[in-house]
Amino acid sequence: MTAAPTTRMLTLGETLAELRMSRAAFYRLRARGSAPRCLKLPNGQLRIRRADLDAWFKGCEVSAC
């Protein structure tokens, strides 16, 4: 039996540092449904899968004007 591949999980702090975004701005995006997909742990902390953050970035791409 092989082990399931592990997915890199980012803390909210790591995500905010990468986005160069404040916690308040992230929560505003989240309230509007525009933030990357998050997992809420039983202790209330948020985690973001690396793949979900990358997909969110890809969705933010715009073509040159």
C-alpha atoms as a PDB file:
ATOM      1  CA  MET A   1       0.000   0.000   0.000  1.00  0.00           C
ATOM      2  CA  THR A   2       1.382   3.405  -0.937  1.00  0.00           C
ATOM      3  CA  ALA A   3       0.987   6.566   1.078  1.00  0.00           C
ATOM      4  CA  ALA A   4      -1.288   9.256  -0.302  1.00  0.00           C
ATOM      5  CA  PRO A   5       0.595  12.228  -1.731  1.00  0.00           C
ATOM      6  CA  THR A   6       0.719  15.133   0.676  1.00  0.00           C
ATOM      7  CA  THR A   7      -0.475  18.546  -0.381  1.00  0.00           C
ATOM      8  CA  ARG A   8       1.405  21.605   0.822  1.00  0.00           C
ATOM      9  CA  MET A   9      -0.811  23.600   3.168  1.00  0.00           C
ATOM     10  CA  LEU A  10      -0.060  27.276   3.756  1.00  0.00           C
ATOM     11  CA  THR A  11      -0.935  29.129   6.926  1.00  0.00           C
ATOM     12  CA  LEU A  12      -2.862  32.355   6.615  1.00  0.00           C
ATOM     13  CA  GLY A  13       0.305  34.277   7.502  1.00  0.00           C
ATOM     14  CA  GLU A  14       2.286  32.558   4.729  1.00  0.00           C
ATOM     15  CA  THR A  15      -0.509  33.257   2.261  1.00  0.00           C
ATOM     16  CA  LEU A  16      -0.763  36.921   3.264  1.00  0.00           C
ATOM     17  CA  ALA A  17       3.006  37.353   2.918  1.00  0.00           C
ATOM     18  CA  GLU A  18       2.945  35.855  -0.572  1.00  0.00           C
ATOM     19  CA  LEU A  19      -0.035  37.988  -1.607  1.00  0.00           C
ATOM     20  CA  ARG A  20       1.433  41.085   0.102  1.00  0.00           C
ATOM     21  CA  MET A  21      -2.037  41.676   1.476  1.00  0.00           C
ATOM     22  CA  SER A  22      -3.339  42.672   4.889  1.00  0.00           C
ATOM     23  CA  ARG A  23      -5.428  40.294   6.961  1.00  0.00           C
ATOM     24  CA  ALA A  24      -8.379  42.711   6.723  1.00  0.00           C
ATOM     25  CA  ALA A  25      -8.161  42.835   2.911  1.00  0.00           C
ATOM     26  CA  PHE A  26      -8.034  39.026   2.760  1.00  0.00           C
ATOM     27  CA  TYR A  27     -11.126  38.709   4.948  1.00  0.00           C
ATOM     28  CA  ARG A  28     -12.947  41.252   2.744  1.00  0.00           C
ATOM     29  CA  LEU A  29     -12.132  39.102  -0.306  1.00  0.00           C
ATOM     30  CA  ARG A  30     -13.274  36.034   1.587  1.00  0.00           C
ATOM     31  CA  ALA A  31     -16.577  37.678   2.567  1.00  0.00           C
ATOM     32  CA  ARG A  32     -17.213  38.477  -1.114  1.00  0.00           C
ATOM     33  CA  GLY A  33     -16.337  34.928  -2.157  1.00  0.00           C
ATOM     34  CA  SER A  34     -13.300  36.144  -4.128  1.00  0.00           C
ATOM     35  CA  ALA A  35     -10.491  34.704  -1.983  1.00  0.00           C
ATOM     36  CA  PRO A  36      -8.632  31.442  -2.609  1.00  0.00           C
ATOM     37  CA  ARG A  37     -10.377  28.332  -1.282  1.00  0.00           C
ATOM     38  CA  CYS A  38      -9.663  27.855   2.425  1.00  0.00           C
ATOM     39  CA  LEU A  39      -9.887  25.013   4.896  1.00  0.00           C
ATOM     40  CA  LYS A  40     -11.051  25.897   8.392  1.00  0.00           C
ATOM     41  CA  LEU A  41      -9.487  23.703  11.061  1.00  0.00           C
ATOM     42  CA  PRO A  42     -11.395  22.681  14.217  1.00  0.00           C
ATOM     43  CA  ASN A  43      -9.377  25.253  16.187  1.00  0.00           C
ATOM     44  CA  GLY A  44     -10.606  28.031  13.861  1.00  0.00           C
ATOM     45  CA  GLN A  45      -7.352  28.527  11.965  1.00  0.00           C
ATOM     46  CA  LEU A  46      -7.372  28.734   8.176  1.00  0.00           C
ATOM     47  CA  ARG A  47      -5.163  26.790   5.787  1.00  0.00           C
ATOM     48  CA  ILE A  48      -4.854  27.259   2.043  1.00  0.00           C
ATOM     49  CA  ARG A  49      -3.734  24.459  -0.260  1.00  0.00           C
ATOM     50  CA  ARG A  50      -0.796  25.473  -2.458  1.00  0.00           C
ATOM     51  CA  ALA A  51      -2.697  24.179  -5.505  1.00  0.00           C
ATOM     52  CA  ASP A  52      -5.757  26.292  -4.608  1.00  0.00           C
ATOM     53  CA  LEU A  53      -3.628  29.431  -4.260  1.00  0.00           C
ATOM     54  CA  ASP A  54      -1.927  28.731  -7.604  1.00  0.00           C
ATOM     55  CA  ALA A  55      -5.332  28.193  -9.263  1.00  0.00           C
ATOM     56  CA  TRP A  56      -6.594  31.458  -7.744  1.00  0.00           C
ATOM     57  CA  PHE A  57      -3.531  33.288  -9.118  1.00  0.00           C
ATOM     58  CA  LYS A  58      -4.186  31.787 -12.543  1.00  0.00           C
ATOM     59  CA  GLY A  59      -7.774  33.042 -12.383  1.00  0.00           C
ATOM     60  CA  CYS A  60      -6.472  36.568 -11.726  1.00  0.00           C
ATOM     61  CA  GLU A  61      -4.568  36.706 -15.027  1.00  0.00           C
ATOM     62  CA  VAL A  62      -5.652  39.362 -17.495  1.00  0.00           C
ATOM     63  CA  SER A  63      -4.611  39.812 -21.095  1.00  0.00           C
ATOM     64  CA  ALA A  64      -2.559  42.830 -22.104  1.00  0.00           C
ATOM     65  CA  CYS A  65      -4.581  45.848 -23.198  1.00  0.00           C
END
